[in-house]
Amino acid sequence: MAIAPKKHEMPTQAPEVRAHNFEEVALGYTLEIAVEEASRCLNCRNRPCVEGCPVNIAIPDFITHIKHQDFESAYQVIAQSSSLPAVCGRVCPQETQCESRCTLHLKAKMDPVGIGRLERFVADWHNRNSTEAAQKPAPNGHRVAIVGAGPSGLTCAGDLAKKGFAVTIYEALHTAGGVLVYGIPEFRLPKSIVAREVETLRQLGVDVETNVIIGKTLTIDELFEMGYEAVFIGSGAGLPNFMNIPGEALKGVYSANEFLTRSNLMKAYQADPHTPIQKGGHVAVVGGGNVAMDAARTALRLGAEKVYIIYRRSMEELPARREEVEHAQEEGIDFRLLCNPTEILGFENPDNPRDPHNGFVKAIRCVRMELGEPDASGRRRPVEIPGSEFTLPVDTVVMAIGTSPNPLIKSTTKGLEVNRRGGIVVTEDGLTSRENVYAGGDAVTGAATVISAMGAGKVAARAIAASLA
């Protein structure tokens, strides 16, 4: 049978409908589409797709099970390597990882197999149909503490629990999931999916303690005093970056971290939220990554009349996933490319100091850019065009220009080495400068992808298991 040259499209909500709700945009493959897509896999002998996966899922094996409509076996193959299959199938950039290595794509010049979409299908099928709880392994007598219930921490915990370790995760927020629950909107990753994955870890014996801030409630040293033999730090990168331009202290200026946390975790989109958020009007989101797309599309769903993405390079350099960019464009987000903010302007009524509008954002001033020579990142450096300043009237500004690791753990953990950006310094096995203290994910690298954080959690779990064996 001839192989279809194109990947099967993902069914989605219509743009004019989804722009006004928080339901998941991508609807998932049907059984028939999943089997047809799986039939495109060549089941290569050298398996290049596996090498492209940061957690090394046996991709051809699970796809073969899909071909035979043995979806539970497909899930079990994925679960051997990934603790978060329903999450990864939704948010991981497969196009630059496993799918970029697909032989069908590289050799036959066809679309790669839709590996991520098939992973999502299998995980969702399992969650709908499986009634068996995960089996808790026999204890091996060792205790490990995990700092942070984000992707790296959950992965490290799951891998250790499967080997019989007694694992406790300490999470600063009131809900486990880290960036999966506070950073990624419901329309991309339903929170029920994350809760289901966390529940699977609990069935394996992982204890999750929320509202515990390591560095404040407890220190790393106190964890060892409590009897833990190793600690993994997966505390993420929750410290937002700003541009340090005039006006960033005005009311109506948010970091993307705060904006998304208020909406995603605190449910500020509801009618009477406990944690409010500015809704409606015109919104400018500064940045071009996935977080910027999430913030812009969230603002739209919160009732904004107009949403701008302001990014200093061109569409070719935009770092967000192409799928997320296309969805944003379909929903009507206005991309102002080759533009850079220089000042945020505030409302001020000198005749009435008590005017309630005083101190709020009223506009953002930008300058147009052109691309010059490549910089250290290999991308062409944006250069200001003299005399090209312009002003956009806006009510809200969201800064989505990256985050850094929070310095709290470093400041309360003697001998823990960090680099100039605040990232914890680790060996290739995830070991820090402190004995039996490991780290991985955004706490080490700064803001990166969910799957890379999971890969770091797996590496550290393997090293911890070997050191305590």
Protein backbone atom coordinates (compact mmCIF):
# COMPACT_ATOMS: atom_id res chain seq x y z
CA MET A 1 0.00 0.00 0.00
CA ALA A 2 1.34 3.42 -0.93
CA ILE A 3 2.30 5.70 1.95
CA ALA A 4 0.34 8.92 2.23
CA PRO A 5 2.79 11.81 1.71
CA LYS A 6 1.02 14.15 4.14
CA LYS A 7 0.59 13.88 7.89
CA HIS A 8 -3.07 13.63 8.88
CA GLU A 9 -4.35 17.01 10.02
CA MET A 10 -5.28 17.50 13.65
CA PRO A 11 -9.01 18.24 14.04
CA THR A 12 -9.50 21.56 15.84
CA GLN A 13 -12.20 23.90 17.02
CA ALA A 14 -13.05 26.57 14.46
CA PRO A 15 -11.06 29.79 15.12
CA GLU A 16 -14.14 31.99 15.43
CA VAL A 17 -15.50 29.63 18.12
CA ARG A 18 -12.37 28.81 20.12
CA ALA A 19 -11.27 32.46 20.39
CA HIS A 20 -14.10 32.91 22.89
CA ASN A 21 -13.71 29.83 25.09
CA PHE A 22 -11.04 28.04 27.12
CA GLU A 23 -11.85 24.57 25.78
CA GLU A 24 -9.01 22.60 24.20
CA VAL A 25 -8.27 23.81 20.67
CA ALA A 26 -6.92 20.53 19.26
CA LEU A 27 -9.56 17.80 19.41
CA GLY A 28 -7.32 14.77 18.91
CA TYR A 29 -7.18 11.99 16.33
CA THR A 30 -10.07 9.60 15.96
CA LEU A 31 -9.30 5.87 16.09
CA GLU A 32 -9.49 5.62 12.32
CA ILE A 33 -7.16 8.58 11.74
CA ALA A 34 -4.69 7.30 14.33
CA VAL A 35 -4.45 3.87 12.69
CA GLU A 36 -4.03 5.44 9.25
CA GLU A 37 -1.31 7.78 10.53
CA ALA A 38 0.48 4.92 12.28
CA SER A 39 0.50 2.98 8.99
CA ARG A 40 2.82 5.66 7.55
CA CYS A 41 5.64 4.58 9.91
CA LEU A 42 8.43 2.64 8.14
CA ASN A 43 9.56 0.96 11.40
CA CYS A 44 13.18 1.77 10.54
CA ARG A 45 15.93 -0.52 11.72
CA ASN A 46 18.13 2.30 13.05
CA ARG A 47 15.24 4.18 14.76
CA PRO A 48 16.47 7.77 14.40
CA CYS A 49 13.26 9.11 15.94
CA VAL A 50 14.15 7.49 19.28
CA GLU A 51 17.46 9.35 19.33
CA GLY A 52 15.54 12.59 18.78
CA CYS A 53 13.35 11.99 21.84
CA PRO A 54 14.83 13.46 25.07
CA VAL A 55 13.27 10.61 27.10
CA ASN A 56 14.01 7.91 24.48
CA ILE A 57 10.53 6.49 23.99
CA ALA A 58 10.57 3.35 21.81
CA ILE A 59 8.56 5.16 19.16
CA PRO A 60 8.37 2.50 16.39
CA ASP A 61 7.23 -0.06 18.96
CA PHE A 62 4.27 1.95 20.25
CA ILE A 63 3.30 2.94 16.71
CA THR A 64 3.33 -0.73 15.65
CA HIS A 65 0.84 -1.50 18.43
CA ILE A 66 -1.39 1.31 17.12
CA LYS A 67 -1.33 -0.28 13.65
CA HIS A 68 -2.69 -3.47 15.25
CA GLN A 69 -5.20 -1.46 17.31
CA ASP A 70 -3.61 -2.67 20.54
CA PHE A 71 -3.72 0.73 22.19
CA GLU A 72 -3.10 -0.39 25.76
CA SER A 73 0.15 -2.10 24.74
CA ALA A 74 1.10 1.09 22.92
CA TYR A 75 0.52 3.03 26.14
CA GLN A 76 2.61 0.64 28.19
CA VAL A 77 5.53 1.09 25.77
CA ILE A 78 5.33 4.87 26.18
CA ALA A 79 4.90 4.63 29.96
CA GLN A 80 8.18 2.75 30.28
CA SER A 81 9.99 5.95 29.31
CA SER A 82 7.59 8.82 30.01
CA SER A 83 5.70 9.70 33.18
CA LEU A 84 3.60 12.32 31.36
CA PRO A 85 2.50 10.90 27.98
CA ALA A 86 -0.78 12.83 27.70
CA VAL A 87 1.12 16.05 28.46
CA CYS A 88 3.97 15.41 26.03
CA GLY A 89 1.61 14.51 23.22
CA ARG A 90 0.12 17.98 23.55
CA VAL A 91 2.92 20.43 24.31
CA CYS A 92 6.26 18.96 23.24
CA PRO A 93 7.90 20.40 20.09
CA GLN A 94 8.06 17.08 18.24
CA GLU A 95 8.70 18.92 14.98
CA THR A 96 12.21 19.81 16.19
CA GLN A 97 12.85 16.55 18.02
CA CYS A 98 11.62 13.05 17.17
CA GLU A 99 9.70 14.04 14.03
CA SER A 100 12.67 15.99 12.67
CA ARG A 101 14.62 12.68 12.56
CA CYS A 102 11.84 10.70 10.83
CA THR A 103 13.22 8.78 7.84
CA LEU A 104 10.01 9.39 5.92
CA HIS A 105 10.76 13.09 6.21
CA LEU A 106 14.53 13.06 5.67
CA LYS A 107 14.85 10.40 2.97
CA ALA A 108 11.47 10.30 1.23
CA LYS A 109 10.85 14.07 1.56
CA MET A 110 7.36 13.45 2.89
CA ASP A 111 5.73 14.79 6.02
CA PRO A 112 7.11 13.03 9.10
CA VAL A 113 4.87 10.62 10.98
CA GLY A 114 2.68 12.51 13.48
CA ILE A 115 4.44 11.00 16.48
CA GLY A 116 3.22 13.57 19.00
CA ARG A 117 -0.37 13.31 17.83
CA LEU A 118 -0.20 9.52 18.07
CA GLU A 119 1.27 9.72 21.58
CA ARG A 120 -1.61 11.98 22.62
CA PHE A 121 -4.15 9.58 21.07
CA VAL A 122 -2.71 6.60 22.95
CA ALA A 123 -2.54 8.43 26.30
CA ASP A 124 -6.09 9.73 25.94
CA TRP A 125 -7.35 6.26 24.95
CA HIS A 126 -5.71 4.78 28.06
CA ASN A 127 -7.15 7.50 30.32
CA ARG A 128 -10.64 6.89 28.95
CA ASN A 129 -10.57 3.11 28.96
CA SER A 130 -8.14 1.79 31.55
CA THR A 131 -9.55 0.95 34.97
CA GLU A 132 -6.40 -0.56 36.49
CA ALA A 133 -4.38 1.48 38.98
CA ALA A 134 -0.62 1.69 38.59
CA GLN A 135 1.10 -0.98 40.66
CA LYS A 136 3.21 0.24 43.57
CA PRO A 137 6.61 -1.51 43.53
CA ALA A 138 8.14 -3.18 46.57
CA PRO A 139 10.07 -0.62 48.66
CA ASN A 140 13.87 -0.70 48.49
CA GLY A 141 14.40 1.16 51.78
CA HIS A 142 15.75 4.44 50.34
CA ARG A 143 14.17 7.90 50.62
CA VAL A 144 14.49 10.76 48.13
CA ALA A 145 13.07 14.30 48.26
CA ILE A 146 12.06 16.17 45.12
CA VAL A 147 11.83 19.97 45.10
CA GLY A 148 9.13 21.10 42.67
CA ALA A 149 6.22 19.25 41.06
CA GLY A 150 6.92 20.45 37.54
CA PRO A 151 7.93 18.29 34.55
CA SER A 152 11.47 17.50 35.76
CA GLY A 153 10.39 16.79 39.34
CA LEU A 154 7.43 14.63 38.34
CA THR A 155 9.59 12.64 35.93
CA CYS A 156 12.39 12.10 38.44
CA ALA A 157 9.84 11.06 41.07
CA GLY A 158 8.09 8.63 38.73
CA ASP A 159 11.29 6.93 37.60
CA LEU A 160 12.52 6.53 41.19
CA ALA A 161 9.16 5.30 42.46
CA LYS A 162 9.13 2.58 39.81
CA LYS A 163 12.41 1.34 41.31
CA GLY A 164 10.99 1.15 44.83
CA PHE A 165 12.27 4.44 46.26
CA ALA A 166 10.14 6.27 48.82
CA VAL A 167 9.70 9.63 47.12
CA THR A 168 8.23 12.86 48.46
CA ILE A 169 7.67 15.89 46.23
CA TYR A 170 7.61 19.31 47.89
CA GLU A 171 5.67 21.86 45.82
CA ALA A 172 5.49 25.58 46.62
CA LEU A 173 2.06 26.12 45.02
CA HIS A 174 -1.23 24.61 46.12
CA THR A 175 -1.46 22.36 43.04
CA ALA A 176 1.08 19.93 41.60
CA GLY A 177 2.22 20.38 38.00
CA GLY A 178 4.48 23.41 37.98
CA VAL A 179 4.48 25.21 34.63
CA LEU A 180 1.98 22.63 33.35
CA VAL A 181 -0.72 24.13 35.58
CA TYR A 182 0.33 27.76 36.02
CA GLY A 183 1.97 28.49 32.67
CA ILE A 184 0.20 26.54 29.92
CA PRO A 185 -3.42 27.58 29.26
CA GLU A 186 -6.38 25.26 29.54
CA PHE A 187 -7.02 25.51 25.79
CA ARG A 188 -3.62 23.90 25.12
CA LEU A 189 -3.37 21.57 28.11
CA PRO A 190 -6.48 20.84 30.19
CA LYS A 191 -5.64 20.76 33.89
CA SER A 192 -7.59 17.53 34.29
CA ILE A 193 -4.92 15.87 32.12
CA VAL A 194 -2.15 17.03 34.47
CA ALA A 195 -4.15 15.95 37.53
CA ARG A 196 -4.59 12.48 36.02
CA GLU A 197 -0.84 12.14 35.40
CA VAL A 198 -0.07 13.26 38.98
CA GLU A 199 -2.61 10.75 40.32
CA THR A 200 -0.78 7.97 38.46
CA LEU A 201 2.40 8.93 40.32
CA ARG A 202 0.54 8.85 43.62
CA GLN A 203 -0.60 5.31 42.80
CA LEU A 204 3.07 4.41 42.41
CA GLY A 205 3.61 5.62 45.98
CA VAL A 206 4.84 9.18 45.38
CA ASP A 207 3.82 11.55 48.20
CA VAL A 208 3.05 15.10 47.04
CA GLU A 209 3.24 17.84 49.69
CA THR A 210 1.93 21.20 48.44
CA ASN A 211 2.31 24.70 49.92
CA VAL A 212 5.88 23.94 50.98
CA ILE A 213 8.49 26.47 49.84
CA ILE A 214 11.96 24.96 49.95
CA GLY A 215 14.28 27.70 51.16
CA LYS A 216 11.58 29.12 53.40
CA THR A 217 9.30 26.43 54.86
CA LEU A 218 12.17 23.93 54.81
CA THR A 219 15.76 24.08 53.62
CA ILE A 220 17.74 21.53 51.62
CA ASP A 221 19.82 20.80 54.72
CA GLU A 222 16.68 20.16 56.77
CA LEU A 223 15.49 17.64 54.18
CA PHE A 224 18.63 15.60 54.83
CA GLU A 225 18.07 15.95 58.59
CA MET A 226 14.60 14.44 58.00
CA GLY A 227 16.23 11.28 56.65
CA TYR A 228 16.25 11.81 52.90
CA GLU A 229 19.36 10.35 51.30
CA ALA A 230 19.26 12.44 48.12
CA VAL A 231 17.49 15.57 46.92
CA PHE A 232 16.53 16.54 43.38
CA ILE A 233 15.92 20.23 42.70
CA GLY A 234 13.40 20.80 39.92
CA SER A 235 12.12 24.17 41.07
CA GLY A 236 11.86 25.66 37.57
CA ALA A 237 12.46 29.23 36.47
CA GLY A 238 9.73 31.39 37.90
CA LEU A 239 11.53 34.73 38.14
CA PRO A 240 10.24 36.93 35.28
CA ASN A 241 12.50 39.10 33.13
CA PHE A 242 11.67 42.69 32.23
CA MET A 243 13.05 45.14 29.68
CA ASN A 244 13.86 47.90 32.20
CA ILE A 245 12.16 50.55 30.09
CA PRO A 246 10.19 53.51 31.48
CA GLY A 247 6.64 52.70 32.53
CA GLU A 248 7.03 49.04 33.49
CA ALA A 249 5.77 49.85 37.02
CA LEU A 250 2.42 51.18 35.72
CA LYS A 251 -0.84 49.45 36.62
CA GLY A 252 -1.80 47.08 33.84
CA VAL A 253 1.75 45.86 33.18
CA TYR A 254 2.17 42.14 33.91
CA SER A 255 4.89 39.60 33.52
CA ALA A 256 3.60 36.70 31.44
CA ASN A 257 4.25 34.54 34.50
CA GLU A 258 1.79 36.56 36.61
CA PHE A 259 -0.73 37.00 33.81
CA LEU A 260 -0.89 33.30 33.00
CA THR A 261 -0.79 32.18 36.64
CA ARG A 262 -3.74 34.43 37.49
CA SER A 263 -5.71 33.00 34.58
CA ASN A 264 -4.62 29.35 34.60
CA LEU A 265 -4.12 28.52 38.26
CA MET A 266 -6.28 31.13 39.99
CA LYS A 267 -9.12 30.87 37.41
CA ALA A 268 -9.29 34.64 36.89
CA TYR A 269 -11.33 34.05 33.74
CA GLN A 270 -14.31 33.05 35.88
CA ALA A 271 -17.08 35.54 36.61
CA ASP A 272 -16.16 36.24 40.25
CA PRO A 273 -12.48 35.30 40.70
CA HIS A 274 -10.58 35.51 43.99
CA THR A 275 -7.52 36.73 42.07
CA PRO A 276 -8.62 39.30 39.47
CA ILE A 277 -6.97 40.11 36.17
CA GLN A 278 -7.37 43.03 33.78
CA LYS A 279 -9.75 42.05 30.99
CA GLY A 280 -10.88 43.59 27.74
CA GLY A 281 -9.52 46.60 25.88
CA HIS A 282 -6.35 46.51 23.81
CA VAL A 283 -3.46 44.27 24.92
CA ALA A 284 0.19 44.27 23.86
CA VAL A 285 2.24 41.12 24.47
CA VAL A 286 5.99 41.64 24.15
CA GLY A 287 7.92 38.56 23.02
CA GLY A 288 7.81 35.84 20.39
CA GLY A 289 8.02 32.50 22.20
CA ASN A 290 5.36 29.97 23.15
CA VAL A 291 4.68 31.89 26.37
CA ALA A 292 3.94 35.03 24.35
CA MET A 293 1.50 33.08 22.17
CA ASP A 294 -0.16 31.66 25.30
CA ALA A 295 -0.49 35.11 26.87
CA ALA A 296 -1.88 36.70 23.71
CA ARG A 297 -4.43 33.97 23.11
CA THR A 298 -5.43 34.04 26.78
CA ALA A 299 -5.98 37.81 26.63
CA LEU A 300 -8.23 37.29 23.62
CA ARG A 301 -10.31 34.73 25.48
CA LEU A 302 -10.53 37.06 28.47
CA GLY A 303 -12.39 39.52 26.24
CA ALA A 304 -9.73 41.74 24.69
CA GLU A 305 -10.95 43.67 21.67
CA LYS A 306 -7.48 43.73 20.10
CA VAL A 307 -4.30 41.81 20.92
CA TYR A 308 -0.85 42.63 19.55
CA ILE A 309 2.30 40.50 19.54
CA ILE A 310 5.29 42.85 19.53
CA TYR A 311 8.49 41.09 18.50
CA ARG A 312 11.78 42.66 17.49
CA ARG A 313 12.72 40.14 14.79
CA SER A 314 10.85 38.77 11.77
CA MET A 315 8.50 35.81 11.45
CA GLU A 316 11.40 33.57 10.39
CA GLU A 317 13.17 34.14 13.72
CA LEU A 318 10.03 33.79 15.84
CA PRO A 319 10.91 31.06 18.38
CA ALA A 320 7.35 29.87 19.12
CA ARG A 321 6.11 26.58 17.70
CA ARG A 322 4.76 27.08 14.20
CA GLU A 323 1.47 25.43 15.16
CA GLU A 324 0.94 27.92 17.99
CA VAL A 325 1.75 30.86 15.72
CA GLU A 326 -0.70 29.63 13.08
CA HIS A 327 -3.42 29.18 15.70
CA ALA A 328 -2.81 32.71 16.99
CA GLN A 329 -2.99 34.14 13.48
CA GLU A 330 -6.22 32.24 12.76
CA GLU A 331 -7.72 33.69 15.93
CA GLY A 332 -6.94 37.25 14.87
CA ILE A 333 -3.85 38.12 16.92
CA ASP A 334 -2.10 41.11 15.29
CA PHE A 335 1.64 40.44 14.84
CA ARG A 336 3.73 43.62 14.92
CA LEU A 337 7.08 42.21 13.84
CA LEU A 338 10.42 44.02 13.62
CA CYS A 339 9.24 46.31 16.41
CA ASN A 340 10.67 46.89 19.88
CA PRO A 341 9.10 48.71 22.84
CA THR A 342 10.96 51.74 24.19
CA GLU A 343 8.47 53.07 26.76
CA ILE A 344 5.09 52.32 28.32
CA LEU A 345 2.96 55.42 28.70
CA GLY A 346 0.56 55.98 31.58
CA PHE A 347 -2.61 57.95 32.05
CA GLU A 348 -2.30 61.08 34.19
CA ASN A 349 -4.92 63.71 34.87
CA PRO A 350 -3.20 66.69 36.51
CA ASP A 351 -6.54 68.40 37.09
CA ASN A 352 -7.85 65.48 39.12
CA PRO A 353 -5.28 63.55 41.19
CA ARG A 354 -8.08 61.23 42.31
CA ASP A 355 -9.03 60.20 38.78
CA PRO A 356 -9.24 56.36 38.96
CA HIS A 357 -7.46 56.08 35.61
CA ASN A 358 -4.28 57.71 36.92
CA GLY A 359 -1.31 55.40 36.92
CA PHE A 360 -2.79 52.93 34.44
CA VAL A 361 -1.33 52.03 31.05
CA LYS A 362 -2.64 54.05 28.11
CA ALA A 363 -0.16 53.24 25.31
CA ILE A 364 3.12 51.57 24.37
CA ARG A 365 5.78 53.38 22.35
CA CYS A 366 7.84 51.28 19.92
CA VAL A 367 10.59 51.69 17.38
CA ARG A 368 10.79 49.79 14.10
CA MET A 369 13.72 47.45 13.56
CA GLU A 370 15.68 45.93 10.69
CA LEU A 371 17.84 42.84 10.73
CA GLY A 372 21.59 43.30 10.71
CA GLU A 373 24.45 40.83 11.03
CA PRO A 374 24.01 37.55 12.99
CA ASP A 375 24.62 37.75 16.75
CA ALA A 376 26.02 35.09 19.12
CA SER A 377 22.80 33.06 18.80
CA GLY A 378 23.24 32.82 15.02
CA ARG A 379 20.15 34.94 14.37
CA ARG A 380 20.40 38.28 12.61
CA ARG A 381 20.65 41.06 15.16
CA PRO A 382 17.76 43.57 15.20
CA VAL A 383 18.86 47.18 14.70
CA GLU A 384 16.74 50.27 15.36
CA ILE A 385 15.62 52.36 12.39
CA PRO A 386 16.17 56.01 13.39
CA GLY A 387 13.07 58.16 13.40
CA SER A 388 10.66 55.22 13.14
CA GLU A 389 9.01 55.51 16.54
CA PHE A 390 5.24 54.99 16.80
CA THR A 391 2.66 54.57 19.56
CA LEU A 392 -0.02 51.91 20.03
CA PRO A 393 -2.93 52.76 22.35
CA VAL A 394 -3.23 49.81 24.78
CA ASP A 395 -4.74 49.14 28.21
CA THR A 396 -2.58 46.18 29.20
CA VAL A 397 1.02 45.16 28.53
CA VAL A 398 2.31 41.62 29.13
CA MET A 399 6.08 41.08 29.17
CA ALA A 400 6.85 37.61 27.81
CA ILE A 401 10.61 37.87 27.37
CA GLY A 402 11.74 34.93 29.46
CA THR A 403 12.28 33.86 33.05
CA SER A 404 15.20 32.97 35.30
CA PRO A 405 15.60 30.55 38.24
CA ASN A 406 14.44 31.94 41.58
CA PRO A 407 17.47 32.66 43.83
CA LEU A 408 15.75 31.45 47.03
CA ILE A 409 17.21 27.93 47.08
CA LYS A 410 20.70 29.17 46.22
CA SER A 411 20.59 31.80 48.97
CA THR A 412 19.58 29.23 51.60
CA THR A 413 21.79 26.33 50.52
CA LYS A 414 25.44 26.71 51.45
CA GLY A 415 27.90 25.47 48.82
CA LEU A 416 25.38 25.25 45.96
CA GLU A 417 27.09 26.63 42.87
CA VAL A 418 25.14 28.64 40.30
CA ASN A 419 26.18 30.32 37.05
CA ARG A 420 25.91 34.02 36.23
CA ARG A 421 22.31 33.58 35.09
CA GLY A 422 21.29 31.94 38.34
CA GLY A 423 21.10 28.42 36.92
CA ILE A 424 22.33 25.64 39.19
CA VAL A 425 25.61 24.16 37.94
CA VAL A 426 25.43 20.37 37.43
CA THR A 427 27.47 17.52 35.98
CA GLU A 428 26.23 15.46 33.04
CA ASP A 429 24.47 13.23 35.59
CA GLY A 430 22.66 16.18 37.18
CA LEU A 431 24.83 16.26 40.32
CA THR A 432 25.32 19.71 41.84
CA SER A 433 28.29 21.00 43.84
CA ARG A 434 26.59 19.59 46.96
CA GLU A 435 26.91 15.90 47.77
CA ASN A 436 23.76 13.92 46.98
CA VAL A 437 21.97 17.04 45.70
CA TYR A 438 20.89 16.83 42.06
CA ALA A 439 19.10 19.33 39.83
CA GLY A 440 17.56 19.53 36.39
CA GLY A 441 15.12 21.34 34.14
CA ASP A 442 14.61 25.08 34.10
CA ALA A 443 16.34 25.49 37.49
CA VAL A 444 19.52 24.56 35.62
CA THR A 445 18.98 25.76 32.06
CA GLY A 446 16.57 28.64 32.50
CA ALA A 447 13.23 28.51 30.71
CA ALA A 448 13.21 25.66 28.16
CA THR A 449 10.83 22.93 26.97
CA VAL A 450 8.75 20.50 29.01
CA ILE A 451 10.39 17.49 27.38
CA SER A 452 13.95 18.71 27.98
CA ALA A 453 13.08 19.16 31.66
CA MET A 454 11.68 15.64 31.71
CA GLY A 455 14.87 14.34 30.12
CA ALA A 456 16.91 16.00 32.87
CA GLY A 457 14.66 14.41 35.50
CA LYS A 458 15.27 10.97 33.99
CA VAL A 459 19.04 11.49 33.92
CA ALA A 460 19.08 12.52 37.58
CA ALA A 461 16.82 9.63 38.61
CA ARG A 462 19.18 7.18 36.97
CA ALA A 463 22.17 8.73 38.75
CA ILE A 464 20.43 8.82 42.14
CA ALA A 465 19.39 5.17 41.81
CA ALA A 466 22.96 4.18 40.94
CA SER A 467 24.48 6.18 43.83
CA LEU A 468 22.12 4.74 46.44
CA ALA A 469 22.13 1.15 45.17
